[in-house]
Amino acid sequence: MDEEQMQDLIIEEPPRPRSKKWQWLFQVFGFLGFVAVAAAAVVYLPVFKLETIDVKGTSYIPPEDILRIAGVYKGQHMFQVETDKAVQNLRKDLRIEQAAVKRTFPNGILIEVEERRPVACVACEFGFLDLDRNGMVLNAYRVRHLQTIPLLSGVTMRDAYIGDKVKDEQTLLALDYLSQMDSNTLPQIVEVNLANPKYVVGRTANAVEIRVGVLERLEEKAEITASFIEDLRVTTKPIEALDMTTSAPFVIFRDQK
C-alpha cells in the first residue's frame, strides 16, 4: 500500500464542540459585568441626587431638626439614605412617637412622623414638666412658658425627669381626657384641678368652669367639652359652667342682675 492510499484511509477527527461549562461561565461574567455597569450608572447619575425632601406630621418639632436627626440632606444620593437607620434615629428622639422614611422616585424622600404632643404640664419640685398623652415627660423648665397647654393642679410630681413616665392613675386619666382635644381646643383650657378625684374641675381662658366630675366616660366628655368650647366662641350669653357630673350634661348661665 502506497503512501497515497494510506492517507485516504485516515479518518479526519471531527472538531470538538466548545465546552458547555465555559459557555456558562462566559454568560455569568457577562451578566455580572452588565449589573456592575448598571449599578455604577445608578450611583453616579445625577438624576438620583435628592432634590425634594418632604416632612409631614410636625407641629412642634422644626423640619430642619427632623432632617438633622434622620441624617438626610439635599444633594445626597437617594440610595445612600439608610431608611431603616433613619427611622431608628428618629424614634430615639423623645419628641417623636412614630416615624417612617420612604424613597420617592426619582429623587425624593418622604419623612412622616407622629409627634409626642404635650397635652398638659404639672408642677414639680424644681418647676414644671410637660407631659404627653401617655404620661411621658417631654420637657422640664423652671418658669412656665406661654400658655399653650393646661396646668394640672392639685397634684405635684417628684423625682421625675425627661423620659420618665407618670404612674399616678388620676393624672393619666386626665391626660387621656385632654389628649382627645385638637390643637384649637386644648389651648382654651388653662387648668384642670385634680385635688378631688370625685369632682375634677377645669377652667377655660375666659374663666368658665368645666365640671368634669369623676374621670370616666372620657371620650364622651372630651367630645362634649370640645363642642362646648367651640360654642363659647360665638355665644353672647354669659356662661358660668359646663356641668358633666351627671348622666345628662347641662350648661349653667350666669345670673344677670
Protein backbone atom coordinates (compact mmCIF):
# COMPACT_ATOMS: atom_id res chain seq x y z
CA MET A 1 0.00 0.00 0.00
CA ASP A 2 1.49 3.21 -1.10
CA GLU A 3 1.50 6.48 0.82
CA GLU A 4 -1.43 7.95 -1.12
CA GLN A 5 -3.66 5.01 -0.27
CA MET A 6 -2.79 5.24 3.43
CA GLN A 7 -3.74 8.94 3.54
CA ASP A 8 -7.14 8.04 2.10
CA LEU A 9 -7.69 5.63 4.98
CA ILE A 10 -7.07 8.30 7.65
CA ILE A 11 -10.37 9.35 9.11
CA GLU A 12 -10.44 13.03 9.87
CA GLU A 13 -11.31 13.75 13.51
CA PRO A 14 -14.42 15.97 13.77
CA PRO A 15 -13.96 19.33 15.56
CA ARG A 16 -14.56 19.18 19.30
CA PRO A 17 -17.55 21.22 20.46
CA ARG A 18 -16.76 24.09 22.88
CA SER A 19 -17.26 23.07 26.49
CA LYS A 20 -20.71 23.99 27.85
CA LYS A 21 -19.03 24.80 31.16
CA TRP A 22 -17.03 27.60 29.59
CA GLN A 23 -20.11 28.93 27.80
CA TRP A 24 -21.94 29.12 31.15
CA LEU A 25 -19.04 30.96 32.77
CA PHE A 26 -18.90 33.47 29.92
CA GLN A 27 -22.62 34.14 30.35
CA VAL A 28 -22.28 34.62 34.12
CA PHE A 29 -19.36 37.03 33.75
CA GLY A 30 -21.24 38.91 31.08
CA PHE A 31 -24.30 39.27 33.29
CA LEU A 32 -22.20 40.39 36.27
CA GLY A 33 -20.48 42.94 34.10
CA PHE A 34 -23.83 44.31 32.96
CA VAL A 35 -25.06 44.53 36.56
CA ALA A 36 -21.89 46.34 37.63
CA VAL A 37 -22.23 48.87 34.82
CA ALA A 38 -25.90 49.42 35.63
CA ALA A 39 -25.14 49.85 39.37
CA ALA A 40 -22.37 52.34 38.63
CA ALA A 41 -24.74 54.29 36.39
CA VAL A 42 -27.34 54.41 39.15
CA VAL A 43 -24.80 55.58 41.73
CA TYR A 44 -23.29 58.32 39.62
CA LEU A 45 -26.24 59.55 37.61
CA PRO A 46 -27.25 62.99 38.91
CA VAL A 47 -30.94 62.22 38.44
CA PHE A 48 -30.86 60.23 41.70
CA LYS A 49 -29.46 63.08 43.79
CA LEU A 50 -32.01 64.22 46.40
CA GLU A 51 -33.83 67.34 45.30
CA THR A 52 -37.06 67.10 47.31
CA ILE A 53 -37.42 66.12 50.97
CA ASP A 54 -40.96 66.25 52.34
CA VAL A 55 -41.54 66.23 56.11
CA LYS A 56 -45.10 65.55 57.28
CA GLY A 57 -46.74 65.36 60.69
CA THR A 58 -44.75 68.02 62.55
CA SER A 59 -46.36 70.75 64.62
CA TYR A 60 -43.83 71.32 67.36
CA ILE A 61 -40.54 69.99 66.01
CA PRO A 62 -38.89 72.18 63.32
CA PRO A 63 -38.47 70.31 59.99
CA GLU A 64 -34.75 71.09 59.98
CA ASP A 65 -34.45 69.18 63.29
CA ILE A 66 -36.17 66.19 61.68
CA LEU A 67 -33.69 66.19 58.79
CA ARG A 68 -30.72 66.52 61.12
CA ILE A 69 -31.89 63.65 63.33
CA ALA A 70 -32.66 61.42 60.33
CA GLY A 71 -29.33 62.25 58.67
CA VAL A 72 -30.95 63.24 55.37
CA TYR A 73 -29.96 66.27 53.30
CA LYS A 74 -30.40 67.63 49.79
CA GLY A 75 -27.75 66.59 47.26
CA GLN A 76 -27.31 63.23 48.97
CA HIS A 77 -27.70 60.19 46.72
CA MET A 78 -31.10 58.69 47.48
CA PHE A 79 -29.72 55.14 47.60
CA GLN A 80 -27.21 56.21 50.24
CA VAL A 81 -30.09 57.03 52.58
CA GLU A 82 -30.45 54.12 55.00
CA THR A 83 -34.19 54.38 55.61
CA ASP A 84 -34.27 51.85 58.47
CA LYS A 85 -31.43 53.61 60.29
CA ALA A 86 -33.11 56.99 59.74
CA VAL A 87 -36.30 55.65 61.34
CA GLN A 88 -34.35 54.30 64.31
CA ASN A 89 -32.63 57.66 64.82
CA LEU A 90 -35.96 59.49 64.72
CA ARG A 91 -37.58 57.16 67.24
CA LYS A 92 -34.73 57.75 69.68
CA ASP A 93 -35.88 61.36 70.00
CA LEU A 94 -38.35 61.59 72.90
CA ARG A 95 -40.47 64.07 70.97
CA ILE A 96 -41.26 61.51 68.27
CA GLU A 97 -43.61 58.58 68.85
CA GLN A 98 -43.66 57.01 65.35
CA ALA A 99 -41.70 57.62 62.15
CA ALA A 100 -41.48 56.37 58.56
CA VAL A 101 -38.92 57.20 55.85
CA LYS A 102 -39.63 56.33 52.20
CA ARG A 103 -37.93 56.95 48.86
CA THR A 104 -40.00 58.73 46.23
CA PHE A 105 -38.56 58.27 42.75
CA PRO A 106 -36.70 59.61 41.00
CA ASN A 107 -35.09 62.00 43.50
CA GLY A 108 -37.13 62.46 46.65
CA ILE A 109 -37.51 61.32 50.25
CA LEU A 110 -40.70 61.38 52.32
CA ILE A 111 -40.40 61.54 56.13
CA GLU A 112 -43.60 61.06 58.14
CA VAL A 113 -43.59 61.48 61.91
CA GLU A 114 -46.10 61.32 64.72
CA GLU A 115 -45.06 63.66 67.49
CA ARG A 116 -45.44 63.13 71.19
CA ARG A 117 -47.69 66.13 71.64
CA PRO A 118 -47.60 67.78 75.08
CA VAL A 119 -51.17 67.88 76.39
CA ALA A 120 -50.63 69.22 79.92
CA CYS A 121 -48.00 70.47 82.31
CA VAL A 122 -47.62 69.71 86.01
CA ALA A 123 -45.68 71.29 88.83
CA CYS A 124 -42.58 69.57 90.19
CA GLU A 125 -40.06 70.41 92.91
CA PHE A 126 -37.90 72.48 90.57
CA GLY A 127 -40.51 74.00 88.22
CA PHE A 128 -42.79 72.40 85.64
CA LEU A 129 -42.93 69.33 83.41
CA ASP A 130 -44.66 68.87 80.05
CA LEU A 131 -46.47 65.54 79.66
CA ASP A 132 -47.75 63.70 76.58
CA ARG A 133 -50.92 61.61 76.39
CA ASN A 134 -49.12 58.55 77.78
CA GLY A 135 -47.64 60.42 80.72
CA MET A 136 -44.10 60.70 79.36
CA VAL A 137 -42.14 63.75 80.47
CA LEU A 138 -41.16 65.65 77.32
CA ASN A 139 -39.71 68.82 78.78
CA ALA A 140 -38.69 70.37 82.09
CA TYR A 141 -38.27 74.05 82.94
CA ARG A 142 -38.18 76.39 85.93
CA VAL A 143 -40.50 79.17 84.73
CA ARG A 144 -43.75 78.33 82.99
CA HIS A 145 -43.70 79.46 79.37
CA LEU A 146 -46.50 80.91 77.24
CA GLN A 147 -49.80 79.18 77.98
CA THR A 148 -50.50 76.61 75.26
CA ILE A 149 -51.47 73.57 77.33
CA PRO A 150 -53.46 73.18 80.58
CA LEU A 151 -51.87 73.06 84.02
CA LEU A 152 -52.78 70.01 86.10
CA SER A 153 -53.23 71.49 89.57
CA GLY A 154 -53.85 69.65 92.83
CA VAL A 155 -51.02 67.23 92.05
CA THR A 156 -47.22 67.52 92.14
CA MET A 157 -44.63 65.22 90.61
CA ARG A 158 -41.38 64.46 92.38
CA ASP A 159 -38.15 62.87 91.17
CA ALA A 160 -39.34 62.93 87.56
CA TYR A 161 -37.13 63.85 84.63
CA ILE A 162 -37.28 63.93 80.85
CA GLY A 163 -38.07 60.45 79.54
CA ASP A 164 -39.74 59.29 82.77
CA LYS A 165 -43.40 58.25 82.82
CA VAL A 166 -46.17 59.26 85.19
CA LYS A 167 -47.62 56.45 87.29
CA ASP A 168 -50.39 58.33 89.10
CA GLU A 169 -53.72 56.98 87.84
CA GLN A 170 -55.66 60.25 88.16
CA THR A 171 -53.02 62.13 86.20
CA LEU A 172 -53.04 59.51 83.44
CA LEU A 173 -56.83 59.68 83.18
CA ALA A 174 -56.70 63.47 82.95
CA LEU A 175 -54.08 63.23 80.19
CA ASP A 176 -56.28 60.77 78.29
CA TYR A 177 -59.19 63.22 78.52
CA LEU A 178 -57.11 66.18 77.35
CA SER A 179 -55.35 64.28 74.57
CA GLN A 180 -58.66 63.96 72.74
CA MET A 181 -58.82 67.74 72.24
CA ASP A 182 -57.50 69.16 68.98
CA SER A 183 -54.87 71.88 68.70
CA ASN A 184 -57.54 74.61 68.60
CA THR A 185 -59.47 73.41 71.65
CA LEU A 186 -56.68 72.43 74.04
CA PRO A 187 -55.15 75.93 74.48
CA GLN A 188 -58.57 77.22 75.59
CA ILE A 189 -58.34 75.10 78.76
CA VAL A 190 -55.93 76.74 81.19
CA GLU A 191 -56.28 74.43 84.19
CA VAL A 192 -57.64 71.08 85.34
CA ASN A 193 -57.81 70.60 89.12
CA LEU A 194 -57.30 67.02 90.28
CA ALA A 195 -57.38 67.66 94.05
CA ASN A 196 -60.74 65.88 94.42
CA PRO A 197 -60.92 62.70 92.29
CA LYS A 198 -64.71 62.72 92.56
CA TYR A 199 -65.02 66.31 91.40
CA VAL A 200 -62.41 67.20 88.77
CA VAL A 201 -62.88 70.75 87.53
CA GLY A 202 -61.35 72.54 84.56
CA ARG A 203 -61.26 76.23 83.74
CA THR A 204 -61.22 77.95 80.36
CA ALA A 205 -59.30 81.05 79.32
CA ASN A 206 -62.41 83.18 79.90
CA ALA A 207 -62.97 81.77 83.43
CA VAL A 208 -65.75 79.33 82.58
CA GLU A 209 -65.77 76.17 84.69
CA ILE A 210 -65.78 72.71 83.11
CA ARG A 211 -67.11 70.39 85.79
CA VAL A 212 -65.81 67.04 84.64
CA GLY A 213 -66.59 65.14 87.84
CA VAL A 214 -65.24 61.60 88.06
CA LEU A 215 -62.75 60.81 85.31
CA GLU A 216 -64.85 58.26 83.47
CA ARG A 217 -66.61 58.17 80.07
CA LEU A 218 -63.63 60.21 78.92
CA GLU A 219 -64.27 60.01 75.18
CA GLU A 220 -67.83 61.23 75.62
CA LYS A 221 -66.82 64.04 78.00
CA ALA A 222 -63.96 65.13 75.75
CA GLU A 223 -66.35 65.38 72.79
CA ILE A 224 -68.85 67.42 74.82
CA THR A 225 -66.05 69.68 76.10
CA ALA A 226 -64.72 70.36 72.61
CA SER A 227 -68.19 71.19 71.29
CA PHE A 228 -68.87 73.45 74.29
CA ILE A 229 -65.61 75.39 73.86
CA GLU A 230 -66.39 75.88 70.18
CA ASP A 231 -69.81 77.29 71.12
CA LEU A 232 -68.15 79.68 73.60
CA ARG A 233 -66.54 81.45 70.66
CA VAL A 234 -69.88 82.59 69.28
CA THR A 235 -72.29 82.73 72.22
CA THR A 236 -73.38 86.12 73.54
CA LYS A 237 -74.89 84.86 76.80
CA PRO A 238 -72.65 84.86 79.92
CA ILE A 239 -71.93 81.25 80.88
CA GLU A 240 -70.78 80.12 84.30
CA ALA A 241 -70.09 76.42 83.76
CA LEU A 242 -70.50 73.24 81.78
CA ASP A 243 -71.61 70.51 84.19
CA MET A 244 -70.84 66.91 83.21
CA THR A 245 -71.14 65.42 86.70
CA THR A 246 -74.50 63.85 85.88
CA SER A 247 -75.57 61.50 83.11
CA ALA A 248 -77.19 64.43 81.30
CA PRO A 249 -74.67 67.30 80.88
CA PHE A 250 -76.03 70.83 81.03
CA VAL A 251 -74.86 74.44 80.78
CA ILE A 252 -75.21 76.89 83.69
CA PHE A 253 -75.69 80.55 82.75
CA ARG A 254 -74.57 83.40 84.96
CA ASP A 255 -77.19 85.44 86.75
CA GLN A 256 -77.58 88.85 85.19
CA LYS A 257 -78.75 91.33 87.84
